[in-house]
Amino acid sequence: MKFILTLLFGILFCSSNAQESTASKQVSSFSIEAPQLNTTKKIWVYLPKEYSTNPKKKYPVIYMHDGQNLFDTKTSYVGEWNVDETLDSISAQVIVIGIEHGNEKRMEELTPFKHQKYGGGNADNYLDFIVQTLKPYVDKTYRTKINANNTAIFGSSLGGLVSFYGALKYPKIFGKVGCFSPSFWFNRKEIFELMEQTKTFKTKIYFLCGDNEGDEDMVRDLNNMEIQVNTKRCECKMLNKKIIVKDGQHNEKLWREGFKKAYLWLF
């Protein structure tokens, strides 16, 4: 638990080194007002290689948290996910929207309920920003497939927690979820109760964690959540997949190496 807490707090601040940017030419960014959070958010955008040469084609969209860590080593905390290079390498037909975390506000934004010791609990406003402000702008600005089956929410650690919560809160918006090393422990009681109260759950979901993440409850929570998910639908539909990586730790290496297979399975 101490190791994960170190990462949860440490990830707040990006690297300040002077190295060159590693983001590919497929990546750009813009800023947008986030009235739900009383701030302005920097948004990273990955467009597929053929986007500019195929002006009539529309693409599915993945909304990802912790945008600083997705595309560029220069802005990452302890290494990036290489999302752009990975998608380029397989000529992926998808748009990725990376939402920068709020630095000292990160824990608040990515947690659904307040923790007795650590606080937080502002994920409703964060998700409302994505659904009510960001997604409409993205759908207006880029050629997107707007339905839930073509819209994913994806993250790790607290980002995994808020992604799962987002699927429960907005099932008609997010039809796919990438849930890496989810910090269910932060709101364990509330998130499991919410899952139990959910009558149906049609969202396609990819679970991943390592068995050496520094928290002995990580694998247990993931297994228990999968059981809960399977009570809401027939396993025969094959709408969820769970990967537990031997010796996998709670870090970008685990998530970077798992991203390609998660994307290919989800889409």
C-alpha atoms as a PDB file:
ATOM      1  CA  MET A   1       0.000   0.000   0.000  1.00  0.00           C
ATOM      2  CA  LYS A   2       2.818   2.424   0.807  1.00  0.00           C
ATOM      3  CA  PHE A   3       4.295   1.892  -2.669  1.00  0.00           C
ATOM      4  CA  ILE A   4       0.988   2.629  -4.386  1.00  0.00           C
ATOM      5  CA  LEU A   5       0.387   5.699  -2.231  1.00  0.00           C
ATOM      6  CA  THR A   6       3.805   6.996  -3.236  1.00  0.00           C
ATOM      7  CA  LEU A   7       2.807   6.701  -6.879  1.00  0.00           C
ATOM      8  CA  LEU A   8      -0.616   8.202  -6.308  1.00  0.00           C
ATOM      9  CA  PHE A   9       0.890  11.335  -4.827  1.00  0.00           C
ATOM     10  CA  GLY A  10       4.093  11.336  -6.854  1.00  0.00           C
ATOM     11  CA  ILE A  11       2.273  11.230 -10.193  1.00  0.00           C
ATOM     12  CA  LEU A  12       0.882  14.679  -9.469  1.00  0.00           C
ATOM     13  CA  PHE A  13       3.891  16.431 -10.886  1.00  0.00           C
ATOM     14  CA  CYS A  14       5.408  15.973 -14.311  1.00  0.00           C
ATOM     15  CA  SER A  15       9.060  15.575 -15.085  1.00  0.00           C
ATOM     16  CA  SER A  16      10.913  18.868 -15.377  1.00  0.00           C
ATOM     17  CA  ASN A  17      13.892  17.554 -17.324  1.00  0.00           C
ATOM     18  CA  ALA A  18      15.060  19.279 -20.480  1.00  0.00           C
ATOM     19  CA  GLN A  19      14.993  16.275 -22.784  1.00  0.00           C
ATOM     20  CA  GLU A  20      13.430  16.388 -26.230  1.00  0.00           C
ATOM     21  CA  SER A  21       9.767  15.631 -26.756  1.00  0.00           C
ATOM     22  CA  THR A  22       9.022  12.048 -27.815  1.00  0.00           C
ATOM     23  CA  ALA A  23       5.450  12.674 -28.975  1.00  0.00           C
ATOM     24  CA  SER A  24       4.895  11.622 -32.582  1.00  0.00           C
ATOM     25  CA  LYS A  25       3.645  13.924 -35.324  1.00  0.00           C
ATOM     26  CA  GLN A  26       0.233  12.322 -34.899  1.00  0.00           C
ATOM     27  CA  VAL A  27      -0.122  14.101 -31.540  1.00  0.00           C
ATOM     28  CA  SER A  28      -1.320  17.668 -30.950  1.00  0.00           C
ATOM     29  CA  SER A  29      -2.967  19.516 -28.071  1.00  0.00           C
ATOM     30  CA  PHE A  30      -5.476  22.212 -27.204  1.00  0.00           C
ATOM     31  CA  SER A  31      -6.865  23.884 -24.094  1.00  0.00           C
ATOM     32  CA  ILE A  32     -10.515  23.970 -23.109  1.00  0.00           C
ATOM     33  CA  GLU A  33     -12.456  25.562 -20.286  1.00  0.00           C
ATOM     34  CA  ALA A  34     -13.738  23.064 -17.723  1.00  0.00           C
ATOM     35  CA  PRO A  35     -16.508  24.936 -15.874  1.00  0.00           C
ATOM     36  CA  GLN A  36     -17.408  21.845 -13.869  1.00  0.00           C
ATOM     37  CA  LEU A  37     -13.918  21.973 -12.340  1.00  0.00           C
ATOM     38  CA  ASN A  38     -13.373  25.745 -12.351  1.00  0.00           C
ATOM     39  CA  THR A  39     -10.223  25.375 -14.410  1.00  0.00           C
ATOM     40  CA  THR A  40      -8.790  25.081 -17.912  1.00  0.00           C
ATOM     41  CA  LYS A  41      -7.703  21.661 -19.113  1.00  0.00           C
ATOM     42  CA  LYS A  42      -4.922  20.824 -21.549  1.00  0.00           C
ATOM     43  CA  ILE A  43      -6.036  18.045 -23.863  1.00  0.00           C
ATOM     44  CA  TRP A  44      -3.746  15.835 -25.937  1.00  0.00           C
ATOM     45  CA  VAL A  45      -5.058  14.445 -29.234  1.00  0.00           C
ATOM     46  CA  TYR A  46      -3.788  11.455 -31.171  1.00  0.00           C
ATOM     47  CA  LEU A  47      -5.074  11.123 -34.723  1.00  0.00           C
ATOM     48  CA  PRO A  48      -4.492   7.992 -36.823  1.00  0.00           C
ATOM     49  CA  LYS A  49      -1.953   8.152 -39.622  1.00  0.00           C
ATOM     50  CA  GLU A  50      -4.510   8.294 -42.405  1.00  0.00           C
ATOM     51  CA  TYR A  51      -6.764  10.900 -40.772  1.00  0.00           C
ATOM     52  CA  SER A  52      -5.732  13.759 -43.063  1.00  0.00           C
ATOM     53  CA  THR A  53      -5.760  11.674 -46.234  1.00  0.00           C
ATOM     54  CA  ASN A  54      -9.177  10.093 -45.760  1.00  0.00           C
ATOM     55  CA  PRO A  55     -11.456  13.089 -45.110  1.00  0.00           C
ATOM     56  CA  LYS A  56     -14.743  11.179 -45.035  1.00  0.00           C
ATOM     57  CA  LYS A  57     -13.838   8.449 -42.598  1.00  0.00           C
ATOM     58  CA  LYS A  58     -14.996   8.586 -38.973  1.00  0.00           C
ATOM     59  CA  TYR A  59     -13.202   6.987 -36.036  1.00  0.00           C
ATOM     60  CA  PRO A  60     -13.927   5.587 -32.562  1.00  0.00           C
ATOM     61  CA  VAL A  61     -12.541   7.549 -29.624  1.00  0.00           C
ATOM     62  CA  ILE A  62     -10.685   6.589 -26.449  1.00  0.00           C
ATOM     63  CA  TYR A  63     -10.788   9.083 -23.567  1.00  0.00           C
ATOM     64  CA  MET A  64      -7.720   8.564 -21.374  1.00  0.00           C
ATOM     65  CA  HIS A  65      -6.694  10.111 -18.062  1.00  0.00           C
ATOM     66  CA  ASP A  66      -3.273  11.427 -16.993  1.00  0.00           C
ATOM     67  CA  GLY A  67      -2.579  12.864 -20.433  1.00  0.00           C
ATOM     68  CA  GLN A  68       0.919  13.957 -19.417  1.00  0.00           C
ATOM     69  CA  ASN A  69       2.002  10.309 -19.231  1.00  0.00           C
ATOM     70  CA  LEU A  70       0.527   8.932 -22.442  1.00  0.00           C
ATOM     71  CA  PHE A  71       2.586  10.279 -25.351  1.00  0.00           C
ATOM     72  CA  ASP A  72       5.656  12.186 -24.224  1.00  0.00           C
ATOM     73  CA  THR A  73       8.559  11.240 -21.961  1.00  0.00           C
ATOM     74  CA  LYS A  74       9.311  14.930 -21.482  1.00  0.00           C
ATOM     75  CA  THR A  75       6.025  15.572 -19.670  1.00  0.00           C
ATOM     76  CA  SER A  76       5.669  12.196 -17.969  1.00  0.00           C
ATOM     77  CA  TYR A  77       6.349  11.485 -14.319  1.00  0.00           C
ATOM     78  CA  VAL A  78       8.373   8.267 -14.567  1.00  0.00           C
ATOM     79  CA  GLY A  79       7.999   7.289 -18.216  1.00  0.00           C
ATOM     80  CA  GLU A  80       5.252   7.381 -20.817  1.00  0.00           C
ATOM     81  CA  TRP A  81       2.807   4.779 -22.125  1.00  0.00           C
ATOM     82  CA  ASN A  82       3.993   5.136 -25.758  1.00  0.00           C
ATOM     83  CA  VAL A  83       0.355   5.252 -26.826  1.00  0.00           C
ATOM     84  CA  ASP A  84       1.138   7.045 -30.092  1.00  0.00           C
ATOM     85  CA  GLU A  85       4.028   4.790 -31.111  1.00  0.00           C
ATOM     86  CA  THR A  86       2.013   1.692 -30.233  1.00  0.00           C
ATOM     87  CA  LEU A  87      -1.004   2.762 -32.264  1.00  0.00           C
ATOM     88  CA  ASP A  88       1.174   3.934 -35.159  1.00  0.00           C
ATOM     89  CA  SER A  89       2.879   0.536 -35.267  1.00  0.00           C
ATOM     90  CA  ILE A  90      -0.416  -1.260 -35.936  1.00  0.00           C
ATOM     91  CA  SER A  91      -2.015   1.497 -38.044  1.00  0.00           C
ATOM     92  CA  ALA A  92      -4.796   1.737 -35.464  1.00  0.00           C
ATOM     93  CA  GLN A  93      -8.041   3.315 -36.601  1.00  0.00           C
ATOM     94  CA  VAL A  94      -8.826   5.309 -33.483  1.00  0.00           C
ATOM     95  CA  ILE A  95      -8.640   8.797 -32.006  1.00  0.00           C
ATOM     96  CA  VAL A  96      -7.227   9.164 -28.491  1.00  0.00           C
ATOM     97  CA  ILE A  97      -8.118  12.102 -26.260  1.00  0.00           C
ATOM     98  CA  GLY A  98      -5.696  12.427 -23.351  1.00  0.00           C
ATOM     99  CA  ILE A  99      -6.912  14.595 -20.470  1.00  0.00           C
ATOM    100  CA  GLU A 100      -4.187  16.125 -18.331  1.00  0.00           C
ATOM    101  CA  HIS A 101      -4.625  15.515 -14.630  1.00  0.00           C
ATOM    102  CA  GLY A 102      -5.080  18.460 -12.338  1.00  0.00           C
ATOM    103  CA  ASN A 103      -1.699  18.192 -10.548  1.00  0.00           C
ATOM    104  CA  GLU A 104      -2.560  18.742  -6.879  1.00  0.00           C
ATOM    105  CA  LYS A 105      -6.240  18.222  -7.811  1.00  0.00           C
ATOM    106  CA  ARG A 106      -5.604  14.823  -9.431  1.00  0.00           C
ATOM    107  CA  MET A 107      -6.777  12.765  -6.472  1.00  0.00           C
ATOM    108  CA  GLU A 108      -9.943  14.821  -6.176  1.00  0.00           C
ATOM    109  CA  GLU A 109     -10.765  14.541  -9.877  1.00  0.00           C
ATOM    110  CA  LEU A 110     -10.217  10.808 -10.193  1.00  0.00           C
ATOM    111  CA  THR A 111     -11.981   9.529  -7.066  1.00  0.00           C
ATOM    112  CA  PRO A 112     -15.770   9.059  -6.938  1.00  0.00           C
ATOM    113  CA  PHE A 113     -16.226   9.253  -3.174  1.00  0.00           C
ATOM    114  CA  LYS A 114     -14.369  10.983  -0.365  1.00  0.00           C
ATOM    115  CA  HIS A 115     -11.868   8.845   1.509  1.00  0.00           C
ATOM    116  CA  GLN A 116     -11.873   9.250   5.284  1.00  0.00           C
ATOM    117  CA  LYS A 117      -8.099   9.731   5.379  1.00  0.00           C
ATOM    118  CA  TYR A 118      -7.088  11.017   1.928  1.00  0.00           C
ATOM    119  CA  GLY A 119     -10.080  13.130   0.899  1.00  0.00           C
ATOM    120  CA  GLY A 120     -10.950  13.320  -2.796  1.00  0.00           C
ATOM    121  CA  GLY A 121     -14.394  12.597  -4.183  1.00  0.00           C
ATOM    122  CA  ASN A 122     -14.835  15.019  -7.110  1.00  0.00           C
ATOM    123  CA  ALA A 123     -15.066  12.491  -9.940  1.00  0.00           C
ATOM    124  CA  ASP A 124     -18.695  13.364 -10.679  1.00  0.00           C
ATOM    125  CA  ASN A 125     -17.664  16.851 -11.785  1.00  0.00           C
ATOM    126  CA  TYR A 126     -14.658  15.479 -13.673  1.00  0.00           C
ATOM    127  CA  LEU A 127     -16.814  13.003 -15.586  1.00  0.00           C
ATOM    128  CA  ASP A 128     -19.453  15.665 -16.196  1.00  0.00           C
ATOM    129  CA  PHE A 129     -16.711  17.764 -17.799  1.00  0.00           C
ATOM    130  CA  ILE A 130     -15.820  14.895 -20.125  1.00  0.00           C
ATOM    131  CA  VAL A 131     -19.415  14.097 -21.039  1.00  0.00           C
ATOM    132  CA  GLN A 132     -20.970  17.548 -21.157  1.00  0.00           C
ATOM    133  CA  THR A 133     -18.084  19.737 -22.344  1.00  0.00           C
ATOM    134  CA  LEU A 134     -15.162  17.795 -23.788  1.00  0.00           C
ATOM    135  CA  LYS A 135     -16.939  15.067 -25.756  1.00  0.00           C
ATOM    136  CA  PRO A 136     -19.305  17.493 -27.536  1.00  0.00           C
ATOM    137  CA  TYR A 137     -16.297  19.623 -28.516  1.00  0.00           C
ATOM    138  CA  VAL A 138     -14.352  16.593 -29.740  1.00  0.00           C
ATOM    139  CA  ASP A 139     -17.333  15.288 -31.726  1.00  0.00           C
ATOM    140  CA  LYS A 140     -17.787  18.704 -33.337  1.00  0.00           C
ATOM    141  CA  THR A 141     -14.101  19.242 -34.122  1.00  0.00           C
ATOM    142  CA  TYR A 142     -13.000  15.775 -35.244  1.00  0.00           C
ATOM    143  CA  ARG A 143     -14.575  13.052 -37.347  1.00  0.00           C
ATOM    144  CA  THR A 144     -15.768  10.728 -34.611  1.00  0.00           C
ATOM    145  CA  LYS A 145     -18.157   7.845 -34.217  1.00  0.00           C
ATOM    146  CA  ILE A 146     -20.228   9.176 -31.367  1.00  0.00           C
ATOM    147  CA  ASN A 147     -22.162   6.160 -30.056  1.00  0.00           C
ATOM    148  CA  ALA A 148     -21.240   4.225 -26.913  1.00  0.00           C
ATOM    149  CA  ASN A 149     -19.997   1.187 -28.815  1.00  0.00           C
ATOM    150  CA  ASN A 150     -17.304   3.414 -30.329  1.00  0.00           C
ATOM    151  CA  THR A 151     -16.429   5.368 -27.183  1.00  0.00           C
ATOM    152  CA  ALA A 152     -14.012   4.073 -24.551  1.00  0.00           C
ATOM    153  CA  ILE A 153     -12.755   5.420 -21.241  1.00  0.00           C
ATOM    154  CA  PHE A 154      -9.332   4.201 -20.156  1.00  0.00           C
ATOM    155  CA  GLY A 155      -6.916   4.688 -17.282  1.00  0.00           C
ATOM    156  CA  SER A 156      -4.676   3.188 -14.637  1.00  0.00           C
ATOM    157  CA  SER A 157      -4.528   3.345 -10.844  1.00  0.00           C
ATOM    158  CA  LEU A 158      -6.973   6.110  -9.839  1.00  0.00           C
ATOM    159  CA  GLY A 159      -7.597   6.441 -13.572  1.00  0.00           C
ATOM    160  CA  GLY A 160      -8.697   2.816 -13.585  1.00  0.00           C
ATOM    161  CA  LEU A 161     -11.038   3.492 -10.683  1.00  0.00           C
ATOM    162  CA  VAL A 162     -12.653   6.526 -12.322  1.00  0.00           C
ATOM    163  CA  SER A 163     -12.925   4.711 -15.661  1.00  0.00           C
ATOM    164  CA  PHE A 164     -14.887   1.889 -14.067  1.00  0.00           C
ATOM    165  CA  TYR A 165     -17.030   4.388 -12.191  1.00  0.00           C
ATOM    166  CA  GLY A 166     -17.595   6.319 -15.413  1.00  0.00           C
ATOM    167  CA  ALA A 167     -18.931   3.189 -17.092  1.00  0.00           C
ATOM    168  CA  LEU A 168     -21.424   2.711 -14.258  1.00  0.00           C
ATOM    169  CA  LYS A 169     -22.523   6.335 -14.282  1.00  0.00           C
ATOM    170  CA  TYR A 170     -22.644   6.834 -18.050  1.00  0.00           C
ATOM    171  CA  PRO A 171     -23.382   3.451 -19.678  1.00  0.00           C
ATOM    172  CA  LYS A 172     -24.948   5.179 -22.685  1.00  0.00           C
ATOM    173  CA  ILE A 173     -21.767   7.200 -23.283  1.00  0.00           C
ATOM    174  CA  PHE A 174     -18.939   4.751 -22.593  1.00  0.00           C
ATOM    175  CA  GLY A 175     -19.387   1.317 -24.112  1.00  0.00           C
ATOM    176  CA  LYS A 176     -15.807   0.171 -23.560  1.00  0.00           C
ATOM    177  CA  VAL A 177     -13.437   0.455 -20.584  1.00  0.00           C
ATOM    178  CA  GLY A 178      -9.713  -0.074 -20.138  1.00  0.00           C
ATOM    179  CA  CYS A 179      -9.303  -0.658 -16.412  1.00  0.00           C
ATOM    180  CA  PHE A 180      -5.613  -1.022 -15.495  1.00  0.00           C
ATOM    181  CA  SER A 181      -4.503  -1.546 -11.877  1.00  0.00           C
ATOM    182  CA  PRO A 182      -7.691   0.080 -10.582  1.00  0.00           C
ATOM    183  CA  SER A 183      -7.398   1.607  -7.110  1.00  0.00           C
ATOM    184  CA  PHE A 184     -10.664   0.097  -5.900  1.00  0.00           C
ATOM    185  CA  TRP A 185      -9.246   0.230  -2.358  1.00  0.00           C
ATOM    186  CA  PHE A 186      -9.723   4.011  -2.294  1.00  0.00           C
ATOM    187  CA  ASN A 187     -13.527   3.647  -2.445  1.00  0.00           C
ATOM    188  CA  ARG A 188     -13.881  -0.116  -1.992  1.00  0.00           C
ATOM    189  CA  LYS A 189     -17.148  -0.112  -0.038  1.00  0.00           C
ATOM    190  CA  GLU A 190     -18.880   2.438  -2.248  1.00  0.00           C
ATOM    191  CA  ILE A 191     -17.750   1.125  -5.642  1.00  0.00           C
ATOM    192  CA  PHE A 192     -18.690  -2.469  -4.834  1.00  0.00           C
ATOM    193  CA  GLU A 193     -22.067  -1.379  -3.479  1.00  0.00           C
ATOM    194  CA  LEU A 194     -22.670   0.639  -6.632  1.00  0.00           C
ATOM    195  CA  MET A 195     -21.800  -2.361  -8.781  1.00  0.00           C
ATOM    196  CA  GLU A 196     -24.167  -4.553  -6.753  1.00  0.00           C
ATOM    197  CA  GLN A 197     -26.964  -2.014  -7.240  1.00  0.00           C
ATOM    198  CA  THR A 198     -26.427  -1.882 -10.991  1.00  0.00           C
ATOM    199  CA  LYS A 199     -29.183  -3.915 -12.666  1.00  0.00           C
ATOM    200  CA  THR A 200     -27.527  -4.470 -16.022  1.00  0.00           C
ATOM    201  CA  PHE A 201     -23.985  -3.934 -17.233  1.00  0.00           C
ATOM    202  CA  LYS A 202     -23.423  -4.207 -20.977  1.00  0.00           C
ATOM    203  CA  THR A 203     -20.069  -2.402 -21.128  1.00  0.00           C
ATOM    204  CA  LYS A 204     -17.098  -4.223 -22.638  1.00  0.00           C
ATOM    205  CA  ILE A 205     -14.262  -4.097 -20.120  1.00  0.00           C
ATOM    206  CA  TYR A 206     -10.594  -5.077 -20.063  1.00  0.00           C
ATOM    207  CA  PHE A 207      -9.106  -5.602 -16.589  1.00  0.00           C
ATOM    208  CA  LEU A 208      -5.354  -5.717 -16.042  1.00  0.00           C
ATOM    209  CA  CYS A 209      -3.109  -5.696 -12.994  1.00  0.00           C
ATOM    210  CA  GLY A 210       0.165  -7.181 -11.791  1.00  0.00           C
ATOM    211  CA  ASP A 211       0.562  -9.657  -8.966  1.00  0.00           C
ATOM    212  CA  ASN A 212       3.404  -7.602  -7.464  1.00  0.00           C
ATOM    213  CA  GLU A 213       1.888  -4.114  -7.271  1.00  0.00           C
ATOM    214  CA  GLY A 214       2.773  -3.506  -3.641  1.00  0.00           C
ATOM    215  CA  ASP A 215      -0.819  -4.008  -2.510  1.00  0.00           C
ATOM    216  CA  GLU A 216      -1.944  -7.525  -1.707  1.00  0.00           C
ATOM    217  CA  ASP A 217      -5.574  -6.465  -2.189  1.00  0.00           C
ATOM    218  CA  MET A 218      -5.124  -5.494  -5.860  1.00  0.00           C
ATOM    219  CA  VAL A 219      -5.597  -8.972  -7.327  1.00  0.00           C
ATOM    220  CA  ARG A 220      -8.297  -9.847  -4.815  1.00  0.00           C
ATOM    221  CA  ASP A 221     -10.282  -6.701  -5.621  1.00  0.00           C
ATOM    222  CA  LEU A 222      -9.940  -7.281  -9.358  1.00  0.00           C
ATOM    223  CA  ASN A 223     -11.139 -10.870  -9.040  1.00  0.00           C
ATOM    224  CA  ASN A 224     -14.060  -9.852  -6.838  1.00  0.00           C
ATOM    225  CA  MET A 225     -15.096  -7.085  -9.205  1.00  0.00           C
ATOM    226  CA  GLU A 226     -15.028  -9.470 -12.140  1.00  0.00           C
ATOM    227  CA  ILE A 227     -17.331 -11.796 -10.185  1.00  0.00           C
ATOM    228  CA  GLN A 228     -19.701  -8.884  -9.559  1.00  0.00           C
ATOM    229  CA  VAL A 229     -19.649  -7.924 -13.230  1.00  0.00           C
ATOM    230  CA  ASN A 230     -20.465 -11.504 -14.225  1.00  0.00           C
ATOM    231  CA  THR A 231     -23.590 -11.467 -12.044  1.00  0.00           C
ATOM    232  CA  LYS A 232     -24.999  -8.733 -14.279  1.00  0.00           C
ATOM    233  CA  ARG A 233     -24.693 -10.600 -17.572  1.00  0.00           C
ATOM    234  CA  CYS A 234     -24.000 -13.996 -19.033  1.00  0.00           C
ATOM    235  CA  GLU A 235     -20.320 -14.879 -19.218  1.00  0.00           C
ATOM    236  CA  CYS A 236     -21.122 -16.381 -22.615  1.00  0.00           C
ATOM    237  CA  LYS A 237     -21.252 -12.854 -24.044  1.00  0.00           C
ATOM    238  CA  MET A 238     -17.491 -12.585 -23.435  1.00  0.00           C
ATOM    239  CA  LEU A 239     -17.695  -8.853 -22.678  1.00  0.00           C
ATOM    240  CA  ASN A 240     -14.911  -8.786 -20.119  1.00  0.00           C
ATOM    241  CA  LYS A 241     -11.327  -9.960 -20.079  1.00  0.00           C
ATOM    242  CA  LYS A 242      -8.970 -10.118 -17.112  1.00  0.00           C
ATOM    243  CA  ILE A 243      -5.187 -10.247 -17.282  1.00  0.00           C
ATOM    244  CA  ILE A 244      -3.010 -10.664 -14.186  1.00  0.00           C
ATOM    245  CA  VAL A 245       0.648 -10.187 -15.082  1.00  0.00           C
ATOM    246  CA  LYS A 246       3.161 -12.293 -13.189  1.00  0.00           C
ATOM    247  CA  ASP A 247       5.630 -10.031 -11.335  1.00  0.00           C
ATOM    248  CA  GLY A 248       3.846  -6.976 -12.786  1.00  0.00           C
ATOM    249  CA  GLN A 249       4.311  -3.812 -10.733  1.00  0.00           C
ATOM    250  CA  HIS A 250       2.242  -0.643 -10.332  1.00  0.00           C
ATOM    251  CA  ASN A 251       3.981   1.457 -12.959  1.00  0.00           C
ATOM    252  CA  GLU A 252       4.015   2.731 -16.540  1.00  0.00           C
ATOM    253  CA  LYS A 253       5.985  -0.289 -17.724  1.00  0.00           C
ATOM    254  CA  LEU A 254       3.104  -2.603 -16.850  1.00  0.00           C
ATOM    255  CA  TRP A 255       0.525  -0.311 -18.451  1.00  0.00           C
ATOM    256  CA  ARG A 256       2.636   0.469 -21.518  1.00  0.00           C
ATOM    257  CA  GLU A 257       3.231  -3.207 -22.217  1.00  0.00           C
ATOM    258  CA  GLY A 258      -0.442  -4.062 -21.712  1.00  0.00           C
ATOM    259  CA  PHE A 259      -1.932  -1.264 -23.808  1.00  0.00           C
ATOM    260  CA  LYS A 260      -1.657  -2.829 -27.279  1.00  0.00           C
ATOM    261  CA  LYS A 261      -3.454  -6.051 -26.374  1.00  0.00           C
ATOM    262  CA  ALA A 262      -6.123  -4.115 -24.473  1.00  0.00           C
ATOM    263  CA  TYR A 263      -6.774  -1.870 -27.462  1.00  0.00           C
ATOM    264  CA  LEU A 264      -6.952  -4.792 -29.898  1.00  0.00           C
ATOM    265  CA  TRP A 265      -9.356  -6.696 -27.646  1.00  0.00           C
ATOM    266  CA  LEU A 266     -11.614  -3.714 -26.970  1.00  0.00           C
ATOM    267  CA  PHE A 267     -11.822  -2.644 -30.599  1.00  0.00           C
END
